[in-house]
Amino acid sequence: MENYVLKKNNKNKKINKFDFKEKGYIFKPNIKSKNLIQISSLSITNLEITNTILKKKLDKSFRKLASIILNVLNDDDSTSGDVAIVLNELAKEKNVVTRKYKDYLKKEEQTKYLKRLKVLETQLKEKIVYLKLKEEKVLTENLEHGHSR
């Protein structure tokens, strides 16, 4: 892999090629403009910048996941299987934060995000218990009505 450093000062813009040994957070920027340099991947070693990028990424991911979870929680037709699927997606998100981003995200940001996920996880687990009790009640009623005939 070739490595470059971009330096900008008021008079000129330079791109220098160099060998880079330090490990950083690697991501693929979503640049749509045709006028800019095409970048296949970018490695950022500055933890402040990395933290900012990951916070935005996690906030977007959280909003998307929370929307799905709230739809399942508020849907009267959802089953315990539906809730289990969403709970699995939440577990994957927790895994990404605790494993993939642990070296690049500030500890307080990681803790804050995991607490937000824990709130949703608790609500999903409560919904599973409610649905299982409801399903057992329906099953019990069906058995009782079947025996009385």
N, C-alpha and C. Protein backbone atom coordinates (compact mmCIF):
# COMPACT_ATOMS: atom_id res chain seq x y z
N MET A 1 0.85 -1.18 0.00
CA MET A 1 0.00 0.00 0.00
C MET A 1 0.89 1.23 0.00
N GLU A 2 0.55 2.18 -0.83
CA GLU A 2 1.31 3.42 -0.86
C GLU A 2 0.72 4.41 0.12
N ASN A 3 1.57 5.17 0.76
CA ASN A 3 1.14 6.14 1.75
C ASN A 3 1.55 7.55 1.32
N TYR A 4 0.67 8.49 1.55
CA TYR A 4 0.93 9.87 1.20
C TYR A 4 0.55 10.76 2.37
N VAL A 5 1.17 11.90 2.44
CA VAL A 5 0.79 12.89 3.43
C VAL A 5 0.41 14.16 2.67
N LEU A 6 -0.68 14.76 3.09
CA LEU A 6 -1.12 16.02 2.49
C LEU A 6 -0.70 17.15 3.40
N LYS A 7 -0.02 18.12 2.82
CA LYS A 7 0.36 19.30 3.58
C LYS A 7 -0.18 20.51 2.85
N LYS A 8 -0.79 21.39 3.60
CA LYS A 8 -1.34 22.58 2.98
C LYS A 8 -0.83 23.80 3.74
N ASN A 9 -0.26 24.71 3.00
CA ASN A 9 0.03 26.01 3.58
C ASN A 9 -0.58 27.05 2.64
N ASN A 10 -0.42 28.29 2.92
CA ASN A 10 -1.11 29.32 2.15
C ASN A 10 -0.67 29.40 0.69
N LYS A 11 0.56 29.03 0.39
CA LYS A 11 1.07 29.25 -0.96
C LYS A 11 0.94 28.04 -1.87
N ASN A 12 1.23 26.87 -1.35
CA ASN A 12 1.19 25.71 -2.25
C ASN A 12 0.60 24.49 -1.54
N LYS A 13 0.21 23.57 -2.35
CA LYS A 13 -0.33 22.32 -1.84
C LYS A 13 0.59 21.22 -2.34
N LYS A 14 1.04 20.38 -1.44
CA LYS A 14 1.99 19.33 -1.79
C LYS A 14 1.48 17.98 -1.34
N ILE A 15 1.79 16.99 -2.11
CA ILE A 15 1.52 15.61 -1.71
C ILE A 15 2.86 14.90 -1.68
N ASN A 16 3.20 14.38 -0.53
CA ASN A 16 4.46 13.67 -0.36
C ASN A 16 4.18 12.20 -0.10
N LYS A 17 4.94 11.35 -0.74
CA LYS A 17 4.85 9.92 -0.49
C LYS A 17 5.81 9.57 0.64
N PHE A 18 5.38 8.68 1.54
CA PHE A 18 6.24 8.29 2.65
C PHE A 18 5.81 6.93 3.18
N ASP A 19 6.67 6.31 3.95
CA ASP A 19 6.34 5.05 4.61
C ASP A 19 5.79 5.37 5.98
N PHE A 20 4.65 4.79 6.29
CA PHE A 20 3.96 5.12 7.54
C PHE A 20 3.87 3.88 8.40
N LYS A 21 4.40 3.93 9.58
CA LYS A 21 4.44 2.76 10.46
C LYS A 21 3.33 2.77 11.53
N GLU A 22 2.87 3.95 11.89
CA GLU A 22 1.90 4.06 12.98
C GLU A 22 0.53 3.54 12.54
N LYS A 23 -0.13 2.81 13.41
CA LYS A 23 -1.45 2.24 13.13
C LYS A 23 -2.52 3.30 13.40
N GLY A 24 -3.48 3.37 12.52
CA GLY A 24 -4.57 4.33 12.69
C GLY A 24 -5.90 3.69 12.31
N TYR A 25 -6.96 4.44 12.51
CA TYR A 25 -8.30 3.98 12.12
C TYR A 25 -8.42 4.12 10.61
N ILE A 26 -8.72 3.04 9.93
CA ILE A 26 -8.82 3.04 8.48
C ILE A 26 -10.29 2.99 8.08
N PHE A 27 -10.67 3.90 7.21
CA PHE A 27 -12.04 3.89 6.70
C PHE A 27 -12.04 4.33 5.24
N LYS A 28 -13.16 4.11 4.57
CA LYS A 28 -13.32 4.49 3.18
C LYS A 28 -14.22 5.72 3.13
N PRO A 29 -13.64 6.87 2.81
CA PRO A 29 -14.46 8.08 2.77
C PRO A 29 -15.45 8.04 1.61
N ASN A 30 -16.60 8.61 1.84
CA ASN A 30 -17.66 8.65 0.83
C ASN A 30 -17.60 10.01 0.13
N ILE A 31 -16.71 10.12 -0.85
CA ILE A 31 -16.52 11.37 -1.56
C ILE A 31 -17.14 11.23 -2.94
N LYS A 32 -18.13 12.07 -3.22
CA LYS A 32 -18.86 11.96 -4.47
C LYS A 32 -18.42 12.99 -5.51
N SER A 33 -17.70 14.00 -5.11
CA SER A 33 -17.31 15.06 -6.02
C SER A 33 -16.26 14.57 -7.01
N LYS A 34 -16.43 14.91 -8.28
CA LYS A 34 -15.49 14.51 -9.34
C LYS A 34 -14.23 15.38 -9.31
N ASN A 35 -14.29 16.55 -8.67
CA ASN A 35 -13.18 17.49 -8.66
C ASN A 35 -12.12 17.15 -7.62
N LEU A 36 -12.40 16.22 -6.76
CA LEU A 36 -11.47 15.89 -5.69
C LEU A 36 -10.66 14.65 -6.00
N ILE A 37 -9.58 14.46 -5.28
CA ILE A 37 -8.75 13.27 -5.43
C ILE A 37 -9.57 12.05 -5.00
N GLN A 38 -9.49 11.00 -5.79
CA GLN A 38 -10.19 9.77 -5.43
C GLN A 38 -9.37 9.03 -4.38
N ILE A 39 -10.00 8.71 -3.26
CA ILE A 39 -9.33 8.05 -2.14
C ILE A 39 -10.01 6.72 -1.88
N SER A 40 -9.22 5.65 -1.93
CA SER A 40 -9.81 4.33 -1.70
C SER A 40 -9.92 4.04 -0.20
N SER A 41 -8.95 4.48 0.59
CA SER A 41 -9.04 4.33 2.04
C SER A 41 -8.17 5.41 2.68
N LEU A 42 -8.51 5.68 3.93
CA LEU A 42 -7.84 6.74 4.66
C LEU A 42 -7.54 6.23 6.06
N SER A 43 -6.31 6.44 6.52
CA SER A 43 -5.92 6.04 7.87
C SER A 43 -5.68 7.30 8.69
N ILE A 44 -6.41 7.40 9.79
CA ILE A 44 -6.30 8.58 10.65
C ILE A 44 -5.69 8.15 11.98
N THR A 45 -4.62 8.83 12.36
CA THR A 45 -3.94 8.49 13.60
C THR A 45 -4.26 9.47 14.72
N ASN A 46 -4.79 10.62 14.39
CA ASN A 46 -5.15 11.61 15.39
C ASN A 46 -6.43 11.16 16.10
N LEU A 47 -6.33 10.88 17.40
CA LEU A 47 -7.48 10.33 18.14
C LEU A 47 -8.65 11.30 18.24
N GLU A 48 -8.39 12.59 18.26
CA GLU A 48 -9.49 13.57 18.31
C GLU A 48 -10.32 13.49 17.03
N ILE A 49 -9.63 13.43 15.90
CA ILE A 49 -10.33 13.35 14.61
C ILE A 49 -11.06 12.02 14.50
N THR A 50 -10.38 10.95 14.86
CA THR A 50 -10.99 9.62 14.82
C THR A 50 -12.22 9.56 15.70
N ASN A 51 -12.12 10.10 16.90
CA ASN A 51 -13.25 10.11 17.83
C ASN A 51 -14.44 10.86 17.23
N THR A 52 -14.18 12.00 16.61
CA THR A 52 -15.24 12.79 15.99
C THR A 52 -15.91 12.03 14.86
N ILE A 53 -15.12 11.40 14.02
CA ILE A 53 -15.67 10.62 12.90
C ILE A 53 -16.52 9.47 13.41
N LEU A 54 -16.00 8.74 14.40
CA LEU A 54 -16.73 7.59 14.92
C LEU A 54 -18.00 8.01 15.66
N LYS A 55 -17.96 9.14 16.37
CA LYS A 55 -19.17 9.63 17.04
C LYS A 55 -20.27 9.88 16.02
N LYS A 56 -19.95 10.53 14.92
CA LYS A 56 -20.95 10.78 13.88
C LYS A 56 -21.46 9.48 13.28
N LYS A 57 -20.54 8.57 13.03
CA LYS A 57 -20.92 7.27 12.46
C LYS A 57 -21.83 6.50 13.42
N LEU A 58 -21.48 6.51 14.70
CA LEU A 58 -22.28 5.78 15.69
C LEU A 58 -23.63 6.45 15.93
N ASP A 59 -23.67 7.77 15.91
CA ASP A 59 -24.95 8.47 16.07
C ASP A 59 -25.90 8.12 14.93
N LYS A 60 -25.37 8.09 13.72
CA LYS A 60 -26.20 7.72 12.56
C LYS A 60 -26.68 6.27 12.70
N SER A 61 -25.78 5.40 13.08
CA SER A 61 -26.11 3.99 13.26
C SER A 61 -27.14 3.81 14.38
N PHE A 62 -26.97 4.57 15.48
CA PHE A 62 -27.90 4.48 16.61
C PHE A 62 -29.30 4.93 16.20
N ARG A 63 -29.39 6.04 15.47
CA ARG A 63 -30.70 6.53 15.04
C ARG A 63 -31.41 5.49 14.18
N LYS A 64 -30.66 4.86 13.29
CA LYS A 64 -31.23 3.84 12.41
C LYS A 64 -31.71 2.63 13.23
N LEU A 65 -30.85 2.16 14.13
CA LEU A 65 -31.18 1.01 14.96
C LEU A 65 -32.35 1.33 15.90
N ALA A 66 -32.33 2.51 16.50
CA ALA A 66 -33.41 2.91 17.42
C ALA A 66 -34.74 2.98 16.69
N SER A 67 -34.73 3.45 15.45
CA SER A 67 -35.96 3.52 14.67
C SER A 67 -36.53 2.12 14.43
N ILE A 68 -35.67 1.18 14.09
CA ILE A 68 -36.11 -0.21 13.88
C ILE A 68 -36.66 -0.79 15.18
N ILE A 69 -35.93 -0.56 16.27
CA ILE A 69 -36.34 -1.09 17.57
C ILE A 69 -37.68 -0.51 18.00
N LEU A 70 -37.85 0.79 17.85
CA LEU A 70 -39.12 1.42 18.25
C LEU A 70 -40.28 0.91 17.40
N ASN A 71 -40.03 0.64 16.13
CA ASN A 71 -41.09 0.06 15.28
C ASN A 71 -41.50 -1.31 15.80
N VAL A 72 -40.53 -2.13 16.18
CA VAL A 72 -40.83 -3.46 16.71
C VAL A 72 -41.54 -3.36 18.06
N LEU A 73 -41.06 -2.45 18.91
CA LEU A 73 -41.66 -2.31 20.25
C LEU A 73 -43.10 -1.80 20.18
N ASN A 74 -43.38 -0.94 19.21
CA ASN A 74 -44.71 -0.34 19.12
C ASN A 74 -45.67 -1.11 18.22
N ASP A 75 -45.18 -2.13 17.54
CA ASP A 75 -46.01 -2.93 16.65
C ASP A 75 -46.71 -4.03 17.44
N ASP A 76 -48.02 -3.99 17.46
CA ASP A 76 -48.79 -4.99 18.21
C ASP A 76 -48.71 -6.37 17.56
N ASP A 77 -48.34 -6.43 16.28
CA ASP A 77 -48.26 -7.70 15.57
C ASP A 77 -46.87 -8.33 15.62
N SER A 78 -45.90 -7.67 16.27
CA SER A 78 -44.55 -8.23 16.32
C SER A 78 -44.52 -9.46 17.23
N THR A 79 -43.67 -10.41 16.85
CA THR A 79 -43.55 -11.66 17.61
C THR A 79 -42.25 -11.64 18.42
N SER A 80 -42.11 -12.62 19.28
CA SER A 80 -40.86 -12.71 20.04
C SER A 80 -39.69 -12.99 19.11
N GLY A 81 -39.95 -13.64 17.99
CA GLY A 81 -38.92 -13.88 16.98
C GLY A 81 -38.45 -12.58 16.34
N ASP A 82 -39.39 -11.67 16.05
CA ASP A 82 -39.03 -10.36 15.50
C ASP A 82 -38.15 -9.59 16.48
N VAL A 83 -38.53 -9.64 17.73
CA VAL A 83 -37.77 -8.93 18.76
C VAL A 83 -36.39 -9.55 18.92
N ALA A 84 -36.31 -10.87 18.83
CA ALA A 84 -35.02 -11.56 18.95
C ALA A 84 -34.08 -11.16 17.81
N ILE A 85 -34.61 -11.00 16.61
CA ILE A 85 -33.79 -10.58 15.47
C ILE A 85 -33.21 -9.19 15.71
N VAL A 86 -34.04 -8.28 16.18
CA VAL A 86 -33.59 -6.91 16.44
C VAL A 86 -32.59 -6.90 17.61
N LEU A 87 -32.84 -7.74 18.59
CA LEU A 87 -31.92 -7.85 19.73
C LEU A 87 -30.55 -8.35 19.26
N ASN A 88 -30.54 -9.23 18.28
CA ASN A 88 -29.30 -9.73 17.70
C ASN A 88 -28.55 -8.59 16.98
N GLU A 89 -29.27 -7.74 16.26
CA GLU A 89 -28.65 -6.59 15.59
C GLU A 89 -28.04 -5.64 16.61
N LEU A 90 -28.73 -5.45 17.72
CA LEU A 90 -28.21 -4.60 18.79
C LEU A 90 -26.93 -5.21 19.36
N ALA A 91 -26.89 -6.50 19.52
CA ALA A 91 -25.70 -7.18 20.04
C ALA A 91 -24.52 -6.99 19.07
N LYS A 92 -24.79 -7.05 17.79
CA LYS A 92 -23.73 -6.81 16.79
C LYS A 92 -23.18 -5.40 16.93
N GLU A 93 -24.06 -4.44 17.12
CA GLU A 93 -23.63 -3.04 17.28
C GLU A 93 -22.76 -2.88 18.52
N LYS A 94 -23.15 -3.52 19.61
CA LYS A 94 -22.34 -3.48 20.83
C LYS A 94 -20.97 -4.09 20.59
N ASN A 95 -20.94 -5.16 19.85
CA ASN A 95 -19.69 -5.84 19.54
C ASN A 95 -18.75 -4.94 18.73
N VAL A 96 -19.30 -4.21 17.77
CA VAL A 96 -18.51 -3.29 16.96
C VAL A 96 -17.87 -2.23 17.85
N VAL A 97 -18.66 -1.69 18.78
CA VAL A 97 -18.16 -0.63 19.65
C VAL A 97 -17.08 -1.15 20.60
N THR A 98 -17.32 -2.32 21.17
CA THR A 98 -16.38 -2.83 22.17
C THR A 98 -15.14 -3.48 21.57
N ARG A 99 -15.22 -3.94 20.34
CA ARG A 99 -14.07 -4.62 19.74
C ARG A 99 -13.40 -3.79 18.64
N LYS A 100 -14.17 -3.41 17.65
CA LYS A 100 -13.59 -2.74 16.48
C LYS A 100 -13.14 -1.31 16.79
N TYR A 101 -13.96 -0.59 17.56
CA TYR A 101 -13.69 0.83 17.80
C TYR A 101 -13.00 1.11 19.13
N LYS A 102 -12.72 0.10 19.93
CA LYS A 102 -12.22 0.34 21.29
C LYS A 102 -10.92 1.13 21.33
N ASP A 103 -10.05 0.95 20.35
CA ASP A 103 -8.77 1.67 20.33
C ASP A 103 -8.89 3.07 19.75
N TYR A 104 -10.01 3.37 19.09
CA TYR A 104 -10.13 4.64 18.37
C TYR A 104 -11.17 5.58 18.97
N LEU A 105 -11.99 5.08 19.86
CA LEU A 105 -13.06 5.87 20.46
C LEU A 105 -12.72 6.15 21.91
N LYS A 106 -12.92 7.39 22.33
CA LYS A 106 -12.64 7.73 23.73
C LYS A 106 -13.50 6.88 24.64
N LYS A 107 -12.94 6.52 25.79
CA LYS A 107 -13.64 5.64 26.74
C LYS A 107 -15.00 6.20 27.15
N GLU A 108 -15.06 7.53 27.41
CA GLU A 108 -16.34 8.12 27.84
C GLU A 108 -17.38 8.07 26.72
N GLU A 109 -16.94 8.21 25.46
CA GLU A 109 -17.88 8.11 24.34
C GLU A 109 -18.37 6.67 24.18
N GLN A 110 -17.45 5.74 24.34
CA GLN A 110 -17.81 4.33 24.25
C GLN A 110 -18.82 3.97 25.35
N THR A 111 -18.57 4.41 26.57
CA THR A 111 -19.46 4.14 27.69
C THR A 111 -20.83 4.76 27.46
N LYS A 112 -20.85 6.00 27.00
CA LYS A 112 -22.11 6.70 26.74
C LYS A 112 -22.94 5.96 25.68
N TYR A 113 -22.29 5.54 24.62
CA TYR A 113 -22.98 4.84 23.55
C TYR A 113 -23.52 3.49 24.02
N LEU A 114 -22.70 2.77 24.77
CA LEU A 114 -23.13 1.47 25.28
C LEU A 114 -24.31 1.60 26.25
N LYS A 115 -24.34 2.69 27.03
CA LYS A 115 -25.49 2.92 27.92
C LYS A 115 -26.76 3.15 27.12
N ARG A 116 -26.64 3.90 26.03
CA ARG A 116 -27.81 4.14 25.17
C ARG A 116 -28.32 2.82 24.59
N LEU A 117 -27.39 1.96 24.19
CA LEU A 117 -27.78 0.66 23.65
C LEU A 117 -28.41 -0.22 24.74
N LYS A 118 -27.90 -0.11 25.95
CA LYS A 118 -28.41 -0.91 27.07
C LYS A 118 -29.88 -0.58 27.35
N VAL A 119 -30.24 0.70 27.24
CA VAL A 119 -31.64 1.11 27.45
C VAL A 119 -32.54 0.41 26.42
N LEU A 120 -32.12 0.43 25.17
CA LEU A 120 -32.90 -0.23 24.12
C LEU A 120 -32.95 -1.74 24.32
N GLU A 121 -31.83 -2.30 24.74
CA GLU A 121 -31.75 -3.74 24.98
C GLU A 121 -32.72 -4.15 26.09
N THR A 122 -32.79 -3.37 27.15
CA THR A 122 -33.70 -3.66 28.26
C THR A 122 -35.15 -3.64 27.79
N GLN A 123 -35.50 -2.65 26.97
CA GLN A 123 -36.87 -2.56 26.45
C GLN A 123 -37.20 -3.76 25.56
N LEU A 124 -36.23 -4.18 24.76
CA LEU A 124 -36.46 -5.35 23.90
C LEU A 124 -36.64 -6.62 24.72
N LYS A 125 -35.85 -6.78 25.76
CA LYS A 125 -35.98 -7.97 26.61
C LYS A 125 -37.32 -7.98 27.33
N GLU A 126 -37.78 -6.81 27.76
CA GLU A 126 -39.11 -6.73 28.39
C GLU A 126 -40.20 -7.10 27.40
N LYS A 127 -40.04 -6.67 26.16
CA LYS A 127 -41.03 -6.99 25.13
C LYS A 127 -41.05 -8.50 24.85
N ILE A 128 -39.88 -9.13 24.84
CA ILE A 128 -39.82 -10.59 24.63
C ILE A 128 -40.55 -11.32 25.75
N VAL A 129 -40.33 -10.91 27.00
CA VAL A 129 -41.01 -11.53 28.13
C VAL A 129 -42.52 -11.36 28.00
N TYR A 130 -42.95 -10.14 27.67
CA TYR A 130 -44.38 -9.86 27.50
C TYR A 130 -44.98 -10.74 26.39
N LEU A 131 -44.28 -10.83 25.26
CA LEU A 131 -44.81 -11.61 24.14
C LEU A 131 -44.84 -13.10 24.45
N LYS A 132 -43.83 -13.59 25.16
CA LYS A 132 -43.82 -15.02 25.52
C LYS A 132 -44.96 -15.34 26.48
N LEU A 133 -45.20 -14.44 27.45
CA LEU A 133 -46.33 -14.65 28.37
C LEU A 133 -47.65 -14.62 27.61
N LYS A 134 -47.77 -13.72 26.67
CA LYS A 134 -48.98 -13.60 25.86
C LYS A 134 -49.18 -14.86 25.01
N GLU A 135 -48.09 -15.35 24.41
CA GLU A 135 -48.17 -16.57 23.60
C GLU A 135 -48.54 -17.78 24.45
N GLU A 136 -47.99 -17.88 25.68
CA GLU A 136 -48.32 -18.98 26.58
C GLU A 136 -49.78 -18.93 26.99
N LYS A 137 -50.27 -17.71 27.24
CA LYS A 137 -51.67 -17.55 27.63
C LYS A 137 -52.60 -18.00 26.51
N VAL A 138 -52.27 -17.62 25.28
CA VAL A 138 -53.08 -18.04 24.13
C VAL A 138 -53.03 -19.56 23.98
N LEU A 139 -51.86 -20.15 24.14
CA LEU A 139 -51.69 -21.59 24.03
C LEU A 139 -52.50 -22.31 25.12
N THR A 140 -52.41 -21.79 26.35
CA THR A 140 -53.15 -22.38 27.47
C THR A 140 -54.65 -22.30 27.22
N GLU A 141 -55.11 -21.15 26.76
CA GLU A 141 -56.55 -20.98 26.48
C GLU A 141 -57.01 -21.94 25.39
N ASN A 142 -56.19 -22.11 24.37
CA ASN A 142 -56.53 -23.03 23.28
C ASN A 142 -56.60 -24.47 23.78
N LEU A 143 -55.67 -24.84 24.65
CA LEU A 143 -55.69 -26.19 25.21
C LEU A 143 -56.93 -26.41 26.08
N GLU A 144 -57.27 -25.42 26.90
CA GLU A 144 -58.45 -25.54 27.77
C GLU A 144 -59.73 -25.66 26.95
N HIS A 145 -59.81 -24.85 25.89
CA HIS A 145 -61.01 -24.92 25.04
C HIS A 145 -61.05 -26.24 24.26
N GLY A 146 -59.92 -26.79 23.95
CA GLY A 146 -59.87 -28.07 23.23
C GLY A 146 -60.30 -29.22 24.10
N HIS A 147 -60.00 -29.17 25.42
CA HIS A 147 -60.37 -30.24 26.33
C HIS A 147 -61.83 -30.17 26.77
N SER A 148 -62.42 -29.03 26.73
CA SER A 148 -63.80 -28.89 27.20
C SER A 148 -64.82 -29.38 26.18
N ARG A 149 -64.39 -29.65 24.96
CA ARG A 149 -65.31 -30.11 23.92
C ARG A 149 -65.53 -31.53 24.00
